[in-house]
Amino acid sequence: MKGPGGSRAPWCSAIFKEVRDMAGTPPGRYSALSVEFKPGVNQALAVPRLQALVPNLAVMTTPELSRLTRQYYVANTGMGGSLAFFTSVAVLVGVVIIILTMYASVLNRERDFAVLRALGARRGDIVVLVIGQGLIISLFGLLLGFTLPALFLNLVRGSTIPSYMPAMVPLLHAGVTVLCSLLGSLLALRKALKAEPASVFH
């Protein structure tokens, strides 16, 4: 059954008895069974044995079912496309904001860069100054980006609202933030490197 488009999942709510009648499933037959192992049981050995007992069924562990479920909703619903679109827009907006901030800062201090060059500063010193400013902006962004989700997750902990933060997401978020800051600093860096030392003496 197809659900609504966008980021919504294709769910349809109905009474269990009516669904069983529509599917033609007789009483006592189920589409899925949950098996809980006793403490100390080796799941790596138990799963193949269960599969051998029921060769016509798929036997999988909880992590495997979770992985397949996530893959299904990302690939077969609008959730994956919506997530990719919003992420791309957020990255683009972040890069543009950093470009404008850094470029305006360099324009206001163009004479200062020329003075530094006249006093003997090398091009590498200018690179360090501009890139360092971009990294400082990214650090403030990371501080804010980590604080707000942490507060939200702490508020919904123990409630009925499901929340899940994979361990790789903070690392990926930090890497993308630093990369956006570096990309946004390139145009400002080019402008700063064009500052002529001789312009100070005009």
N, C-alpha and C. Protein backbone atom coordinates (compact mmCIF):
# COMPACT_ATOMS: atom_id res chain seq x y z
N MET A 1 0.86 -1.19 0.00
CA MET A 1 0.00 0.00 0.00
C MET A 1 0.89 1.23 0.00
N LYS A 2 0.65 2.14 -0.90
CA LYS A 2 1.48 3.33 -1.00
C LYS A 2 1.00 4.38 -0.02
N GLY A 3 1.96 4.96 0.66
CA GLY A 3 1.64 6.02 1.60
C GLY A 3 1.85 7.37 0.97
N PRO A 4 1.67 8.45 1.72
CA PRO A 4 1.87 9.80 1.19
C PRO A 4 3.32 10.03 0.86
N GLY A 5 3.59 10.98 -0.03
CA GLY A 5 4.96 11.26 -0.45
C GLY A 5 5.71 12.07 0.59
N GLY A 6 6.83 12.65 0.15
CA GLY A 6 7.64 13.43 1.08
C GLY A 6 8.45 12.54 1.97
N SER A 7 8.64 12.98 3.22
CA SER A 7 9.43 12.21 4.16
C SER A 7 8.60 11.28 5.02
N ARG A 8 7.31 11.16 4.73
CA ARG A 8 6.45 10.28 5.53
C ARG A 8 6.60 8.83 5.08
N ALA A 9 6.51 7.94 6.03
CA ALA A 9 6.61 6.51 5.73
C ALA A 9 5.27 5.97 5.29
N PRO A 10 5.26 4.90 4.45
CA PRO A 10 4.00 4.34 3.95
C PRO A 10 3.33 3.46 4.99
N TRP A 11 2.68 4.08 5.96
CA TRP A 11 1.98 3.34 7.01
C TRP A 11 0.47 3.42 6.78
N CYS A 12 -0.21 2.37 7.19
CA CYS A 12 -1.67 2.36 7.14
C CYS A 12 -2.17 1.68 8.40
N SER A 13 -2.97 2.38 9.20
CA SER A 13 -3.47 1.84 10.45
C SER A 13 -4.82 1.15 10.21
N ALA A 14 -4.99 -0.02 10.84
CA ALA A 14 -6.24 -0.77 10.72
C ALA A 14 -6.37 -1.75 11.87
N ILE A 15 -7.55 -2.27 12.06
CA ILE A 15 -7.78 -3.27 13.12
C ILE A 15 -7.13 -4.58 12.69
N PHE A 16 -6.48 -5.25 13.65
CA PHE A 16 -5.72 -6.45 13.34
C PHE A 16 -6.58 -7.52 12.67
N LYS A 17 -7.79 -7.73 13.17
CA LYS A 17 -8.66 -8.76 12.62
C LYS A 17 -9.03 -8.45 11.16
N GLU A 18 -9.28 -7.18 10.88
CA GLU A 18 -9.64 -6.80 9.50
C GLU A 18 -8.44 -6.98 8.56
N VAL A 19 -7.25 -6.65 9.03
CA VAL A 19 -6.05 -6.84 8.20
C VAL A 19 -5.84 -8.32 7.91
N ARG A 20 -6.03 -9.16 8.92
CA ARG A 20 -5.86 -10.59 8.72
C ARG A 20 -6.89 -11.13 7.74
N ASP A 21 -8.12 -10.61 7.79
CA ASP A 21 -9.14 -11.05 6.85
C ASP A 21 -8.81 -10.61 5.43
N MET A 22 -8.32 -9.37 5.27
CA MET A 22 -7.99 -8.87 3.94
C MET A 22 -6.81 -9.63 3.34
N ALA A 23 -5.84 -10.01 4.19
CA ALA A 23 -4.66 -10.73 3.70
C ALA A 23 -4.93 -12.22 3.53
N GLY A 24 -6.06 -12.67 4.03
CA GLY A 24 -6.37 -14.09 3.93
C GLY A 24 -5.51 -14.95 4.83
N THR A 25 -5.07 -14.40 5.96
CA THR A 25 -4.23 -15.14 6.90
C THR A 25 -5.10 -15.86 7.92
N PRO A 26 -5.03 -17.16 7.99
CA PRO A 26 -5.86 -17.89 8.94
C PRO A 26 -5.39 -17.66 10.37
N PRO A 27 -6.27 -17.87 11.36
CA PRO A 27 -5.87 -17.72 12.76
C PRO A 27 -4.72 -18.67 13.11
N GLY A 28 -3.79 -18.20 13.91
CA GLY A 28 -2.66 -19.02 14.32
C GLY A 28 -1.45 -18.91 13.41
N ARG A 29 -1.56 -18.18 12.31
CA ARG A 29 -0.42 -17.99 11.41
C ARG A 29 0.05 -16.54 11.50
N TYR A 30 1.34 -16.36 11.56
CA TYR A 30 1.92 -15.03 11.74
C TYR A 30 2.98 -14.79 10.67
N SER A 31 3.25 -13.52 10.42
CA SER A 31 4.26 -13.15 9.44
C SER A 31 5.63 -12.95 10.07
N ALA A 32 5.66 -12.81 11.38
CA ALA A 32 6.94 -12.62 12.06
C ALA A 32 6.85 -13.13 13.48
N LEU A 33 7.93 -13.67 13.97
CA LEU A 33 8.03 -14.17 15.34
C LEU A 33 9.27 -13.57 15.99
N SER A 34 9.14 -13.19 17.26
CA SER A 34 10.26 -12.65 18.02
C SER A 34 10.77 -13.72 18.98
N VAL A 35 12.04 -14.04 18.88
CA VAL A 35 12.65 -15.07 19.71
C VAL A 35 13.68 -14.40 20.62
N GLU A 36 13.60 -14.67 21.90
CA GLU A 36 14.56 -14.12 22.85
C GLU A 36 15.43 -15.24 23.40
N PHE A 37 16.73 -15.08 23.27
CA PHE A 37 17.66 -16.09 23.75
C PHE A 37 17.88 -15.95 25.25
N LYS A 38 18.19 -17.07 25.88
CA LYS A 38 18.54 -17.04 27.29
C LYS A 38 19.92 -16.39 27.46
N PRO A 39 20.17 -15.81 28.62
CA PRO A 39 21.49 -15.21 28.85
C PRO A 39 22.61 -16.24 28.69
N GLY A 40 23.65 -15.85 28.00
CA GLY A 40 24.79 -16.73 27.81
C GLY A 40 24.76 -17.52 26.51
N VAL A 41 23.64 -17.46 25.76
CA VAL A 41 23.55 -18.19 24.50
C VAL A 41 24.33 -17.45 23.42
N ASN A 42 25.11 -18.17 22.66
CA ASN A 42 25.89 -17.60 21.57
C ASN A 42 24.97 -17.41 20.36
N GLN A 43 24.64 -16.16 20.05
CA GLN A 43 23.72 -15.89 18.95
C GLN A 43 24.32 -16.28 17.60
N ALA A 44 25.63 -16.15 17.47
CA ALA A 44 26.28 -16.49 16.20
C ALA A 44 26.09 -17.96 15.86
N LEU A 45 25.96 -18.82 16.88
CA LEU A 45 25.73 -20.25 16.64
C LEU A 45 24.25 -20.59 16.61
N ALA A 46 23.44 -19.83 17.37
CA ALA A 46 22.02 -20.15 17.47
C ALA A 46 21.25 -19.75 16.21
N VAL A 47 21.62 -18.63 15.60
CA VAL A 47 20.88 -18.15 14.43
C VAL A 47 20.95 -19.15 13.27
N PRO A 48 22.13 -19.69 12.91
CA PRO A 48 22.15 -20.69 11.83
C PRO A 48 21.35 -21.94 12.16
N ARG A 49 21.30 -22.33 13.41
CA ARG A 49 20.51 -23.51 13.79
C ARG A 49 19.02 -23.23 13.61
N LEU A 50 18.59 -22.03 14.00
CA LEU A 50 17.19 -21.68 13.78
C LEU A 50 16.86 -21.63 12.29
N GLN A 51 17.78 -21.11 11.50
CA GLN A 51 17.57 -21.05 10.06
C GLN A 51 17.44 -22.44 9.45
N ALA A 52 18.19 -23.39 10.00
CA ALA A 52 18.12 -24.77 9.50
C ALA A 52 16.79 -25.42 9.87
N LEU A 53 16.20 -25.01 11.00
CA LEU A 53 14.91 -25.57 11.41
C LEU A 53 13.76 -25.03 10.57
N VAL A 54 13.89 -23.77 10.13
CA VAL A 54 12.83 -23.15 9.32
C VAL A 54 13.47 -22.60 8.04
N PRO A 55 13.80 -23.46 7.09
CA PRO A 55 14.53 -22.98 5.89
C PRO A 55 13.74 -22.02 5.02
N ASN A 56 12.41 -22.04 5.12
CA ASN A 56 11.58 -21.16 4.29
C ASN A 56 11.41 -19.77 4.89
N LEU A 57 11.96 -19.54 6.07
CA LEU A 57 11.83 -18.24 6.74
C LEU A 57 13.19 -17.57 6.85
N ALA A 58 13.17 -16.28 7.01
CA ALA A 58 14.41 -15.50 7.20
C ALA A 58 14.62 -15.30 8.69
N VAL A 59 15.75 -15.73 9.17
CA VAL A 59 16.11 -15.59 10.59
C VAL A 59 17.21 -14.53 10.67
N MET A 60 16.97 -13.51 11.46
CA MET A 60 17.96 -12.44 11.58
C MET A 60 17.96 -11.89 12.99
N THR A 61 19.08 -11.31 13.37
CA THR A 61 19.21 -10.72 14.70
C THR A 61 18.60 -9.31 14.70
N THR A 62 18.48 -8.75 15.89
CA THR A 62 17.92 -7.40 16.02
C THR A 62 18.73 -6.36 15.26
N PRO A 63 20.08 -6.35 15.36
CA PRO A 63 20.84 -5.36 14.57
C PRO A 63 20.64 -5.53 13.06
N GLU A 64 20.55 -6.77 12.59
CA GLU A 64 20.34 -6.99 11.15
C GLU A 64 18.97 -6.47 10.72
N LEU A 65 17.94 -6.74 11.51
CA LEU A 65 16.60 -6.25 11.19
C LEU A 65 16.56 -4.72 11.21
N SER A 66 17.25 -4.12 12.18
CA SER A 66 17.30 -2.67 12.26
C SER A 66 17.99 -2.08 11.02
N ARG A 67 19.10 -2.70 10.59
CA ARG A 67 19.84 -2.21 9.43
C ARG A 67 19.00 -2.32 8.15
N LEU A 68 18.34 -3.46 7.96
CA LEU A 68 17.52 -3.65 6.78
C LEU A 68 16.31 -2.70 6.77
N THR A 69 15.76 -2.44 7.94
CA THR A 69 14.62 -1.52 8.03
C THR A 69 15.04 -0.11 7.65
N ARG A 70 16.20 0.34 8.16
CA ARG A 70 16.69 1.68 7.82
C ARG A 70 16.98 1.78 6.33
N GLN A 71 17.61 0.74 5.77
CA GLN A 71 17.90 0.76 4.34
C GLN A 71 16.63 0.83 3.51
N TYR A 72 15.60 0.11 3.94
CA TYR A 72 14.34 0.11 3.18
C TYR A 72 13.73 1.50 3.16
N TYR A 73 13.63 2.16 4.33
CA TYR A 73 12.97 3.45 4.39
C TYR A 73 13.77 4.54 3.69
N VAL A 74 15.11 4.42 3.72
CA VAL A 74 15.92 5.42 3.02
C VAL A 74 15.82 5.25 1.52
N ALA A 75 15.79 3.99 1.04
CA ALA A 75 15.84 3.73 -0.39
C ALA A 75 14.46 3.70 -1.04
N ASN A 76 13.43 3.31 -0.32
CA ASN A 76 12.13 3.08 -0.95
C ASN A 76 11.04 4.07 -0.55
N THR A 77 11.37 5.03 0.29
CA THR A 77 10.39 6.06 0.65
C THR A 77 11.00 7.43 0.34
N GLY A 78 10.24 8.46 0.56
CA GLY A 78 10.75 9.81 0.32
C GLY A 78 11.69 10.30 1.39
N MET A 79 11.92 9.48 2.42
CA MET A 79 12.75 9.92 3.53
C MET A 79 14.19 10.17 3.11
N GLY A 80 14.74 9.26 2.29
CA GLY A 80 16.13 9.40 1.87
C GLY A 80 16.35 10.64 1.02
N GLY A 81 15.46 10.86 0.03
CA GLY A 81 15.60 12.03 -0.82
C GLY A 81 15.41 13.33 -0.06
N SER A 82 14.45 13.36 0.87
CA SER A 82 14.22 14.57 1.66
C SER A 82 15.41 14.88 2.54
N LEU A 83 15.98 13.83 3.15
CA LEU A 83 17.15 14.04 4.01
C LEU A 83 18.33 14.56 3.20
N ALA A 84 18.56 13.99 2.02
CA ALA A 84 19.66 14.45 1.18
C ALA A 84 19.45 15.89 0.73
N PHE A 85 18.20 16.24 0.39
CA PHE A 85 17.91 17.61 -0.07
C PHE A 85 18.14 18.63 1.03
N PHE A 86 17.58 18.38 2.21
CA PHE A 86 17.72 19.33 3.31
C PHE A 86 19.17 19.45 3.77
N THR A 87 19.90 18.32 3.74
CA THR A 87 21.31 18.36 4.12
C THR A 87 22.11 19.19 3.12
N SER A 88 21.83 19.01 1.83
CA SER A 88 22.54 19.79 0.80
C SER A 88 22.26 21.28 0.93
N VAL A 89 21.00 21.63 1.19
CA VAL A 89 20.64 23.03 1.36
C VAL A 89 21.35 23.63 2.59
N ALA A 90 21.38 22.85 3.68
CA ALA A 90 22.03 23.34 4.90
C ALA A 90 23.52 23.57 4.68
N VAL A 91 24.18 22.63 3.98
CA VAL A 91 25.61 22.78 3.70
C VAL A 91 25.85 24.00 2.80
N LEU A 92 25.01 24.17 1.76
CA LEU A 92 25.17 25.30 0.85
C LEU A 92 24.99 26.63 1.58
N VAL A 93 23.95 26.71 2.41
CA VAL A 93 23.72 27.94 3.17
C VAL A 93 24.88 28.23 4.11
N GLY A 94 25.40 27.18 4.75
CA GLY A 94 26.52 27.37 5.67
C GLY A 94 27.75 27.89 4.95
N VAL A 95 28.06 27.33 3.79
CA VAL A 95 29.23 27.78 3.02
C VAL A 95 29.05 29.23 2.58
N VAL A 96 27.85 29.59 2.09
CA VAL A 96 27.61 30.96 1.63
C VAL A 96 27.75 31.95 2.78
N ILE A 97 27.21 31.61 3.96
CA ILE A 97 27.30 32.51 5.11
C ILE A 97 28.76 32.72 5.52
N ILE A 98 29.53 31.63 5.52
CA ILE A 98 30.94 31.76 5.88
C ILE A 98 31.70 32.58 4.85
N ILE A 99 31.39 32.38 3.56
CA ILE A 99 32.05 33.17 2.51
C ILE A 99 31.77 34.65 2.71
N LEU A 100 30.51 35.01 2.94
CA LEU A 100 30.16 36.42 3.11
C LEU A 100 30.81 37.00 4.36
N THR A 101 30.80 36.24 5.46
CA THR A 101 31.40 36.73 6.71
C THR A 101 32.89 36.95 6.55
N MET A 102 33.57 35.95 6.00
CA MET A 102 35.02 36.04 5.86
C MET A 102 35.40 37.12 4.85
N TYR A 103 34.67 37.21 3.76
CA TYR A 103 35.01 38.20 2.72
C TYR A 103 34.82 39.62 3.25
N ALA A 104 33.73 39.85 3.99
CA ALA A 104 33.50 41.18 4.57
C ALA A 104 34.60 41.51 5.58
N SER A 105 35.03 40.52 6.35
CA SER A 105 36.10 40.75 7.32
C SER A 105 37.40 41.11 6.64
N VAL A 106 37.72 40.42 5.55
CA VAL A 106 38.96 40.70 4.83
C VAL A 106 38.90 42.08 4.16
N LEU A 107 37.74 42.44 3.61
CA LEU A 107 37.61 43.77 2.99
C LEU A 107 37.84 44.88 4.01
N ASN A 108 37.31 44.69 5.23
CA ASN A 108 37.49 45.72 6.25
C ASN A 108 38.92 45.80 6.76
N ARG A 109 39.69 44.73 6.60
CA ARG A 109 41.07 44.71 7.10
C ARG A 109 42.08 44.57 5.97
N GLU A 110 41.69 44.96 4.76
CA GLU A 110 42.61 44.82 3.63
C GLU A 110 43.87 45.65 3.83
N ARG A 111 43.72 46.85 4.39
CA ARG A 111 44.90 47.69 4.64
C ARG A 111 45.79 47.05 5.71
N ASP A 112 45.18 46.38 6.69
CA ASP A 112 45.97 45.71 7.73
C ASP A 112 46.82 44.60 7.13
N PHE A 113 46.26 43.86 6.20
CA PHE A 113 47.05 42.81 5.54
C PHE A 113 48.19 43.42 4.72
N ALA A 114 47.92 44.56 4.09
CA ALA A 114 48.98 45.22 3.33
C ALA A 114 50.10 45.69 4.26
N VAL A 115 49.72 46.20 5.45
CA VAL A 115 50.73 46.62 6.42
C VAL A 115 51.57 45.44 6.87
N LEU A 116 50.93 44.32 7.13
CA LEU A 116 51.66 43.12 7.53
C LEU A 116 52.65 42.70 6.46
N ARG A 117 52.20 42.74 5.21
CA ARG A 117 53.11 42.37 4.11
C ARG A 117 54.27 43.35 4.03
N ALA A 118 53.99 44.65 4.25
CA ALA A 118 55.05 45.65 4.20
C ALA A 118 56.04 45.47 5.34
N LEU A 119 55.58 44.95 6.47
CA LEU A 119 56.46 44.73 7.61
C LEU A 119 57.24 43.42 7.51
N GLY A 120 56.99 42.67 6.45
CA GLY A 120 57.77 41.45 6.24
C GLY A 120 57.00 40.15 6.41
N ALA A 121 55.69 40.23 6.61
CA ALA A 121 54.90 39.01 6.75
C ALA A 121 54.88 38.25 5.43
N ARG A 122 55.00 36.95 5.52
CA ARG A 122 54.99 36.13 4.31
C ARG A 122 53.55 35.78 3.94
N ARG A 123 53.41 35.26 2.73
CA ARG A 123 52.07 34.85 2.28
C ARG A 123 51.53 33.73 3.16
N GLY A 124 52.44 32.89 3.63
CA GLY A 124 52.00 31.81 4.53
C GLY A 124 51.42 32.33 5.83
N ASP A 125 51.96 33.46 6.32
CA ASP A 125 51.41 34.05 7.55
C ASP A 125 49.99 34.55 7.32
N ILE A 126 49.73 35.12 6.15
CA ILE A 126 48.37 35.58 5.83
C ILE A 126 47.43 34.39 5.73
N VAL A 127 47.92 33.29 5.14
CA VAL A 127 47.10 32.08 5.03
C VAL A 127 46.71 31.58 6.41
N VAL A 128 47.68 31.57 7.33
CA VAL A 128 47.40 31.09 8.69
C VAL A 128 46.36 31.97 9.37
N LEU A 129 46.45 33.28 9.18
CA LEU A 129 45.49 34.20 9.81
C LEU A 129 44.07 33.97 9.30
N VAL A 130 43.93 33.90 7.99
CA VAL A 130 42.59 33.76 7.41
C VAL A 130 42.00 32.38 7.72
N ILE A 131 42.79 31.32 7.51
CA ILE A 131 42.29 29.97 7.79
C ILE A 131 42.01 29.80 9.28
N GLY A 132 42.84 30.40 10.11
CA GLY A 132 42.60 30.33 11.55
C GLY A 132 41.29 30.97 11.95
N GLN A 133 40.98 32.10 11.32
CA GLN A 133 39.69 32.75 11.60
C GLN A 133 38.53 31.86 11.17
N GLY A 134 38.67 31.20 10.02
CA GLY A 134 37.62 30.28 9.58
C GLY A 134 37.44 29.10 10.52
N LEU A 135 38.56 28.59 11.06
CA LEU A 135 38.47 27.46 12.00
C LEU A 135 37.84 27.89 13.31
N ILE A 136 38.11 29.12 13.74
CA ILE A 136 37.48 29.62 14.97
C ILE A 136 35.97 29.71 14.79
N ILE A 137 35.53 30.18 13.61
CA ILE A 137 34.08 30.23 13.33
C ILE A 137 33.49 28.82 13.37
N SER A 138 34.22 27.85 12.79
CA SER A 138 33.72 26.47 12.79
C SER A 138 33.65 25.91 14.20
N LEU A 139 34.59 26.28 15.08
CA LEU A 139 34.56 25.80 16.46
C LEU A 139 33.33 26.32 17.20
N PHE A 140 33.01 27.60 16.98
CA PHE A 140 31.79 28.15 17.59
C PHE A 140 30.55 27.45 17.03
N GLY A 141 30.57 27.16 15.73
CA GLY A 141 29.45 26.43 15.14
C GLY A 141 29.31 25.03 15.70
N LEU A 142 30.44 24.36 15.91
CA LEU A 142 30.40 23.01 16.49
C LEU A 142 29.88 23.06 17.93
N LEU A 143 30.31 24.06 18.68
CA LEU A 143 29.85 24.18 20.07
C LEU A 143 28.33 24.34 20.12
N LEU A 144 27.81 25.21 19.25
CA LEU A 144 26.36 25.39 19.20
C LEU A 144 25.65 24.17 18.64
N GLY A 145 26.26 23.55 17.60
CA GLY A 145 25.64 22.39 16.97
C GLY A 145 25.61 21.16 17.85
N PHE A 146 26.55 21.05 18.78
CA PHE A 146 26.56 19.91 19.70
C PHE A 146 25.72 20.18 20.94
N THR A 147 25.65 21.44 21.36
CA THR A 147 24.92 21.78 22.59
C THR A 147 23.42 21.63 22.41
N LEU A 148 22.88 22.17 21.31
CA LEU A 148 21.42 22.13 21.11
C LEU A 148 20.89 20.70 20.98
N PRO A 149 21.50 19.82 20.13
CA PRO A 149 21.00 18.44 20.08
C PRO A 149 21.15 17.70 21.41
N ALA A 150 22.24 18.00 22.15
CA ALA A 150 22.42 17.34 23.45
C ALA A 150 21.31 17.73 24.42
N LEU A 151 20.93 19.01 24.39
CA LEU A 151 19.83 19.45 25.25
C LEU A 151 18.51 18.80 24.83
N PHE A 152 18.28 18.71 23.52
CA PHE A 152 17.05 18.09 23.03
C PHE A 152 16.99 16.61 23.41
N LEU A 153 18.10 15.87 23.20
CA LEU A 153 18.11 14.46 23.54
C LEU A 153 17.93 14.25 25.04
N ASN A 154 18.47 15.16 25.84
CA ASN A 154 18.31 15.05 27.28
C ASN A 154 16.86 15.30 27.70
N LEU A 155 16.17 16.20 26.97
CA LEU A 155 14.78 16.50 27.30
C LEU A 155 13.85 15.34 26.96
N VAL A 156 14.09 14.67 25.83
CA VAL A 156 13.19 13.61 25.39
C VAL A 156 13.60 12.25 25.93
N ARG A 157 14.69 12.18 26.67
CA ARG A 157 15.12 10.89 27.22
C ARG A 157 14.08 10.39 28.23
N GLY A 158 13.68 9.17 28.06
CA GLY A 158 12.68 8.58 28.95
C GLY A 158 11.25 8.89 28.55
N SER A 159 11.04 9.68 27.49
CA SER A 159 9.69 9.98 27.04
C SER A 159 9.29 9.01 25.93
N THR A 160 8.09 9.20 25.42
CA THR A 160 7.60 8.33 24.34
C THR A 160 8.11 8.75 22.98
N ILE A 161 8.82 9.89 22.89
CA ILE A 161 9.36 10.35 21.61
C ILE A 161 10.64 9.57 21.32
N PRO A 162 10.68 8.82 20.22
CA PRO A 162 11.90 8.06 19.91
C PRO A 162 13.03 8.98 19.47
N SER A 163 14.21 8.74 19.98
CA SER A 163 15.38 9.53 19.60
C SER A 163 16.58 8.60 19.50
N TYR A 164 17.38 8.83 18.47
CA TYR A 164 18.54 7.95 18.23
C TYR A 164 19.64 8.77 17.58
N MET A 165 20.84 8.71 18.14
CA MET A 165 21.98 9.43 17.60
C MET A 165 23.12 8.44 17.40
N PRO A 166 23.36 8.01 16.14
CA PRO A 166 24.46 7.09 15.89
C PRO A 166 25.79 7.71 16.29
N ALA A 167 26.75 6.88 16.67
CA ALA A 167 28.03 7.37 17.15
C ALA A 167 28.81 8.10 16.07
N MET A 168 28.58 7.74 14.80
CA MET A 168 29.34 8.35 13.72
C MET A 168 28.82 9.73 13.32
N VAL A 169 27.60 10.08 13.74
CA VAL A 169 27.01 11.35 13.33
C VAL A 169 27.78 12.56 13.87
N PRO A 170 28.15 12.59 15.18
CA PRO A 170 28.93 13.75 15.64
C PRO A 170 30.27 13.91 14.91
N LEU A 171 30.96 12.81 14.64
CA LEU A 171 32.23 12.90 13.91
C LEU A 171 32.01 13.40 12.49
N LEU A 172 30.97 12.89 11.82
CA LEU A 172 30.66 13.34 10.47
C LEU A 172 30.26 14.81 10.46
N HIS A 173 29.48 15.19 11.46
CA HIS A 173 29.05 16.59 11.56
C HIS A 173 30.25 17.52 11.76
N ALA A 174 31.18 17.11 12.62
CA ALA A 174 32.36 17.94 12.86
C ALA A 174 33.22 18.06 11.60
N GLY A 175 33.39 16.95 10.89
CA GLY A 175 34.19 16.99 9.66
C GLY A 175 33.58 17.87 8.59
N VAL A 176 32.25 17.77 8.40
CA VAL A 176 31.58 18.59 7.38
C VAL A 176 31.64 20.07 7.77
N THR A 177 31.51 20.38 9.06
CA THR A 177 31.56 21.76 9.51
C THR A 177 32.92 22.38 9.24
N VAL A 178 33.98 21.66 9.57
CA VAL A 178 35.34 22.17 9.33
C VAL A 178 35.59 22.32 7.83
N LEU A 179 35.12 21.36 7.04
CA LEU A 179 35.30 21.44 5.58
C LEU A 179 34.57 22.65 5.00
N CYS A 180 33.34 22.91 5.47
CA CYS A 180 32.59 24.07 5.00
C CYS A 180 33.32 25.37 5.36
N SER A 181 33.91 25.42 6.56
CA SER A 181 34.64 26.61 6.97
C SER A 181 35.86 26.84 6.08
N LEU A 182 36.56 25.77 5.75
CA LEU A 182 37.73 25.91 4.88
C LEU A 182 37.33 26.35 3.48
N LEU A 183 36.24 25.76 2.96
CA LEU A 183 35.78 26.16 1.64
C LEU A 183 35.33 27.62 1.62
N GLY A 184 34.65 28.02 2.68
CA GLY A 184 34.18 29.39 2.77
C GLY A 184 35.30 30.40 2.93
N SER A 185 36.46 29.96 3.40
CA SER A 185 37.59 30.87 3.61
C SER A 185 38.44 31.07 2.36
N LEU A 186 38.24 30.25 1.33
CA LEU A 186 39.11 30.31 0.16
C LEU A 186 39.00 31.63 -0.57
N LEU A 187 37.76 32.13 -0.78
CA LEU A 187 37.59 33.39 -1.50
C LEU A 187 38.18 34.55 -0.72
N ALA A 188 37.94 34.55 0.60
CA ALA A 188 38.51 35.61 1.43
C ALA A 188 40.04 35.52 1.45
N LEU A 189 40.57 34.33 1.45
CA LEU A 189 42.02 34.15 1.43
C LEU A 189 42.63 34.70 0.15
N ARG A 190 41.95 34.45 -0.96
CA ARG A 190 42.44 34.97 -2.24
C ARG A 190 42.48 36.49 -2.23
N LYS A 191 41.46 37.11 -1.64
CA LYS A 191 41.43 38.57 -1.56
C LYS A 191 42.53 39.08 -0.64
N ALA A 192 42.76 38.41 0.46
CA ALA A 192 43.78 38.85 1.41
C ALA A 192 45.18 38.74 0.81
N LEU A 193 45.43 37.71 0.02
CA LEU A 193 46.74 37.52 -0.59
C LEU A 193 47.02 38.55 -1.67
N LYS A 194 45.98 39.20 -2.18
CA LYS A 194 46.17 40.21 -3.22
C LYS A 194 46.53 41.59 -2.65
N ALA A 195 46.56 41.71 -1.32
CA ALA A 195 46.88 43.00 -0.71
C ALA A 195 48.32 43.38 -1.05
N GLU A 196 48.49 44.54 -1.65
CA GLU A 196 49.82 45.00 -2.08
C GLU A 196 50.49 45.79 -0.98
N PRO A 197 51.72 45.40 -0.59
CA PRO A 197 52.44 46.17 0.45
C PRO A 197 52.67 47.62 0.05
N ALA A 198 52.85 47.85 -1.25
CA ALA A 198 53.14 49.21 -1.70
C ALA A 198 51.96 50.15 -1.51
N SER A 199 50.74 49.60 -1.39
CA SER A 199 49.56 50.46 -1.24
C SER A 199 49.58 51.21 0.09
N VAL A 200 50.35 50.73 1.06
CA VAL A 200 50.41 51.39 2.36
C VAL A 200 51.06 52.77 2.23
N PHE A 201 52.00 52.92 1.29
CA PHE A 201 52.77 54.15 1.17
C PHE A 201 52.15 55.14 0.18
N HIS A 202 50.97 54.82 -0.36
CA HIS A 202 50.31 55.75 -1.29
C HIS A 202 49.71 56.93 -0.53
